[in-house]
């Protein structure tokens, strides 16, 4: 039996455990950043919702949350909880 599938699974689990929802990444957020810049920093959001040019997106893991509100794809305000 090949160990390759097991090794790939182990790598996938390790990578998924490396959350980008951290205090260090939160500290790099700035008002006026583009949504693309935020996604480059935090990865794809867990969820987004919006209307009329405004969007609210959340990045979350099992212990922490970063919430960012965008207007025309630019950061207006952001908050975080449970960050370490």
N, C-alpha and C. Protein backbone atom coordinates (compact mmCIF):
# COMPACT_ATOMS: atom_id res chain seq x y z
N UNK A 1 0.84 -1.19 0.00
CA UNK A 1 0.00 0.00 0.00
C UNK A 1 0.88 1.25 0.00
N UNK A 2 0.50 2.23 -0.77
CA UNK A 2 1.27 3.46 -0.90
C UNK A 2 0.98 4.41 0.27
N UNK A 3 2.00 5.07 0.73
CA UNK A 3 1.83 6.07 1.80
C UNK A 3 1.50 7.45 1.26
N UNK A 4 1.55 7.61 -0.06
CA UNK A 4 1.31 8.92 -0.65
C UNK A 4 -0.06 9.51 -0.28
N UNK A 5 -1.17 8.76 -0.41
CA UNK A 5 -2.48 9.32 -0.03
C UNK A 5 -2.52 9.76 1.44
N UNK A 6 -1.90 8.99 2.30
CA UNK A 6 -1.86 9.33 3.72
C UNK A 6 -1.04 10.59 3.95
N UNK A 7 0.08 10.71 3.26
CA UNK A 7 0.93 11.91 3.39
C UNK A 7 0.19 13.15 2.89
N UNK A 8 -0.54 13.02 1.78
CA UNK A 8 -1.30 14.15 1.25
C UNK A 8 -2.40 14.58 2.22
N UNK A 9 -3.06 13.62 2.83
CA UNK A 9 -4.09 13.93 3.80
C UNK A 9 -3.50 14.65 5.01
N UNK A 10 -2.36 14.18 5.49
CA UNK A 10 -1.70 14.81 6.64
C UNK A 10 -1.30 16.24 6.32
N UNK A 11 -0.79 16.48 5.12
CA UNK A 11 -0.41 17.84 4.71
C UNK A 11 -1.63 18.75 4.63
N UNK A 12 -2.72 18.24 4.09
CA UNK A 12 -3.95 19.03 4.00
C UNK A 12 -4.47 19.41 5.37
N UNK A 13 -4.42 18.49 6.32
CA UNK A 13 -4.87 18.79 7.68
C UNK A 13 -3.98 19.81 8.35
N UNK A 14 -2.68 19.71 8.15
CA UNK A 14 -1.76 20.69 8.73
C UNK A 14 -1.98 22.08 8.16
N UNK A 15 -2.19 22.17 6.86
CA UNK A 15 -2.42 23.46 6.23
C UNK A 15 -3.73 24.08 6.68
N UNK A 16 -4.76 23.27 6.86
CA UNK A 16 -6.05 23.81 7.30
C UNK A 16 -5.98 24.30 8.74
N UNK A 17 -5.05 23.78 9.52
CA UNK A 17 -4.89 24.19 10.91
C UNK A 17 -4.19 25.54 11.02
N UNK A 18 -3.56 26.01 9.95
CA UNK A 18 -2.82 27.28 9.96
C UNK A 18 -3.78 28.42 9.62
N UNK A 19 -4.50 28.88 10.58
CA UNK A 19 -5.48 29.94 10.37
C UNK A 19 -4.80 31.28 10.16
N UNK A 20 -5.38 32.09 9.29
CA UNK A 20 -4.90 33.45 9.06
C UNK A 20 -5.66 34.46 9.91
N UNK A 21 -6.58 33.96 10.75
CA UNK A 21 -7.36 34.83 11.65
C UNK A 21 -6.54 35.01 12.93
N UNK A 22 -5.56 35.92 12.84
CA UNK A 22 -4.62 36.16 13.94
C UNK A 22 -4.56 37.64 14.29
N UNK A 23 -4.05 37.93 15.47
CA UNK A 23 -3.84 39.31 15.90
C UNK A 23 -2.86 40.01 14.96
N UNK A 24 -1.83 39.29 14.52
CA UNK A 24 -0.82 39.87 13.63
C UNK A 24 -1.45 40.32 12.30
N UNK A 25 -2.29 39.48 11.72
CA UNK A 25 -2.94 39.86 10.47
C UNK A 25 -3.98 40.95 10.69
N UNK A 26 -4.70 40.89 11.81
CA UNK A 26 -5.67 41.93 12.13
C UNK A 26 -4.98 43.29 12.22
N UNK A 27 -3.79 43.33 12.81
CA UNK A 27 -3.04 44.58 12.98
C UNK A 27 -2.62 45.19 11.64
N UNK A 28 -2.62 44.39 10.56
CA UNK A 28 -2.23 44.90 9.25
C UNK A 28 -3.40 45.49 8.46
N UNK A 29 -4.62 45.29 8.94
CA UNK A 29 -5.79 45.85 8.26
C UNK A 29 -5.79 47.37 8.39
N UNK A 30 -6.19 48.04 7.33
CA UNK A 30 -6.27 49.50 7.31
C UNK A 30 -7.53 49.94 6.57
N UNK A 31 -8.13 51.01 7.04
CA UNK A 31 -9.25 51.62 6.33
C UNK A 31 -8.77 52.01 4.94
N UNK A 32 -9.59 51.74 3.93
CA UNK A 32 -9.25 52.08 2.55
C UNK A 32 -8.62 50.94 1.76
N UNK A 33 -8.22 49.86 2.44
CA UNK A 33 -7.67 48.71 1.70
C UNK A 33 -8.75 48.15 0.78
N UNK A 34 -8.32 47.59 -0.33
CA UNK A 34 -9.28 46.95 -1.23
C UNK A 34 -9.66 45.57 -0.70
N UNK A 35 -10.78 45.07 -1.16
CA UNK A 35 -11.20 43.72 -0.77
C UNK A 35 -10.16 42.70 -1.21
N UNK A 36 -9.55 42.90 -2.36
CA UNK A 36 -8.51 41.99 -2.86
C UNK A 36 -7.30 42.00 -1.92
N UNK A 37 -6.93 43.15 -1.39
CA UNK A 37 -5.80 43.23 -0.46
C UNK A 37 -6.12 42.49 0.84
N UNK A 38 -7.35 42.64 1.32
CA UNK A 38 -7.75 41.94 2.54
C UNK A 38 -7.76 40.44 2.31
N UNK A 39 -8.26 40.00 1.16
CA UNK A 39 -8.27 38.57 0.86
C UNK A 39 -6.86 38.03 0.67
N UNK A 40 -5.94 38.83 0.17
CA UNK A 40 -4.55 38.39 0.06
C UNK A 40 -3.95 38.18 1.45
N UNK A 41 -4.36 38.98 2.41
CA UNK A 41 -3.87 38.89 3.78
C UNK A 41 -4.55 37.77 4.56
N UNK A 42 -5.88 37.67 4.46
CA UNK A 42 -6.65 36.75 5.30
C UNK A 42 -7.14 35.50 4.57
N UNK A 43 -7.05 35.47 3.26
CA UNK A 43 -7.60 34.36 2.50
C UNK A 43 -9.06 34.63 2.17
N UNK A 44 -9.73 33.64 1.67
CA UNK A 44 -11.14 33.78 1.31
C UNK A 44 -11.99 33.89 2.58
N UNK A 45 -12.98 34.77 2.58
CA UNK A 45 -13.83 34.92 3.77
C UNK A 45 -14.69 33.69 4.02
N UNK A 46 -15.06 33.52 5.28
CA UNK A 46 -15.98 32.44 5.66
C UNK A 46 -17.37 32.71 5.12
N UNK A 47 -17.76 33.99 5.14
CA UNK A 47 -19.07 34.38 4.63
C UNK A 47 -19.08 35.87 4.30
N UNK A 48 -19.91 36.26 3.35
CA UNK A 48 -20.12 37.65 2.97
C UNK A 48 -21.59 37.87 2.66
N UNK A 49 -22.05 39.07 2.94
CA UNK A 49 -23.41 39.46 2.59
C UNK A 49 -23.41 40.96 2.34
N UNK A 50 -24.28 41.41 1.47
CA UNK A 50 -24.33 42.84 1.24
C UNK A 50 -25.36 43.24 0.22
N UNK A 51 -25.48 44.57 0.07
CA UNK A 51 -26.39 45.15 -0.90
C UNK A 51 -26.03 46.61 -1.12
N UNK A 52 -26.37 47.12 -2.28
CA UNK A 52 -26.21 48.53 -2.62
C UNK A 52 -24.78 49.04 -2.43
N UNK A 53 -23.79 48.24 -2.83
CA UNK A 53 -22.40 48.68 -2.77
C UNK A 53 -21.71 48.47 -1.43
N UNK A 54 -22.43 47.95 -0.45
CA UNK A 54 -21.84 47.68 0.87
C UNK A 54 -21.83 46.17 1.10
N UNK A 55 -20.72 45.68 1.65
CA UNK A 55 -20.56 44.25 1.91
C UNK A 55 -19.96 44.06 3.29
N UNK A 56 -20.43 43.08 4.00
CA UNK A 56 -19.86 42.69 5.29
C UNK A 56 -19.34 41.27 5.16
N UNK A 57 -18.06 41.06 5.45
CA UNK A 57 -17.44 39.74 5.34
C UNK A 57 -16.83 39.33 6.67
N UNK A 58 -16.88 38.04 6.94
CA UNK A 58 -16.28 37.48 8.16
C UNK A 58 -15.24 36.44 7.80
N UNK A 59 -14.16 36.46 8.56
CA UNK A 59 -13.13 35.44 8.51
C UNK A 59 -13.14 34.83 9.90
N UNK A 60 -13.35 33.53 10.00
CA UNK A 60 -13.49 32.90 11.31
C UNK A 60 -12.82 31.54 11.34
N UNK A 61 -12.37 31.18 12.52
CA UNK A 61 -11.95 29.81 12.78
C UNK A 61 -12.65 29.38 14.06
N UNK A 62 -12.23 28.30 14.66
CA UNK A 62 -12.95 27.77 15.82
C UNK A 62 -12.87 28.66 17.05
N UNK A 63 -11.97 29.64 17.09
CA UNK A 63 -11.81 30.46 18.29
C UNK A 63 -11.84 31.96 18.05
N UNK A 64 -11.68 32.41 16.81
CA UNK A 64 -11.52 33.84 16.55
C UNK A 64 -12.34 34.28 15.34
N UNK A 65 -12.58 35.61 15.28
CA UNK A 65 -13.37 36.19 14.21
C UNK A 65 -12.81 37.55 13.83
N UNK A 66 -12.71 37.80 12.53
CA UNK A 66 -12.42 39.13 12.01
C UNK A 66 -13.57 39.49 11.09
N UNK A 67 -14.18 40.64 11.34
CA UNK A 67 -15.29 41.12 10.54
C UNK A 67 -14.88 42.43 9.85
N UNK A 68 -15.13 42.52 8.55
CA UNK A 68 -14.75 43.71 7.78
C UNK A 68 -15.95 44.18 6.98
N UNK A 69 -16.22 45.47 7.05
CA UNK A 69 -17.30 46.07 6.27
C UNK A 69 -16.66 46.89 5.14
N UNK A 70 -17.14 46.64 3.93
CA UNK A 70 -16.64 47.30 2.74
C UNK A 70 -17.70 48.20 2.13
N UNK A 71 -17.27 49.31 1.57
CA UNK A 71 -18.10 50.17 0.74
C UNK A 71 -17.40 50.30 -0.60
N UNK A 72 -18.06 49.90 -1.67
CA UNK A 72 -17.44 49.88 -3.00
C UNK A 72 -16.09 49.18 -2.99
N UNK A 73 -16.04 48.04 -2.32
CA UNK A 73 -14.86 47.17 -2.23
C UNK A 73 -13.66 47.82 -1.55
N UNK A 74 -13.90 48.79 -0.68
CA UNK A 74 -12.85 49.40 0.15
C UNK A 74 -13.24 49.26 1.61
N UNK A 75 -12.26 48.96 2.48
CA UNK A 75 -12.53 48.79 3.91
C UNK A 75 -13.04 50.09 4.51
N UNK A 76 -14.19 50.00 5.18
CA UNK A 76 -14.74 51.14 5.92
C UNK A 76 -14.43 50.98 7.40
N UNK A 77 -14.77 49.85 7.97
CA UNK A 77 -14.52 49.54 9.38
C UNK A 77 -14.23 48.05 9.52
N UNK A 78 -13.54 47.69 10.60
CA UNK A 78 -13.25 46.28 10.86
C UNK A 78 -13.17 46.07 12.36
N UNK A 79 -13.42 44.82 12.77
CA UNK A 79 -13.35 44.46 14.19
C UNK A 79 -12.92 43.02 14.31
N UNK A 80 -12.47 42.66 15.49
CA UNK A 80 -12.04 41.29 15.74
C UNK A 80 -12.37 40.85 17.14
N UNK A 81 -12.51 39.55 17.34
CA UNK A 81 -12.73 39.01 18.68
C UNK A 81 -12.04 37.65 18.78
N UNK A 82 -11.57 37.34 19.97
CA UNK A 82 -10.91 36.07 20.23
C UNK A 82 -9.54 35.92 19.60
N UNK A 83 -8.96 37.04 19.16
CA UNK A 83 -7.66 36.99 18.47
C UNK A 83 -6.52 36.78 19.45
N UNK A 84 -5.54 36.00 19.01
CA UNK A 84 -4.35 35.76 19.82
C UNK A 84 -3.12 35.93 18.98
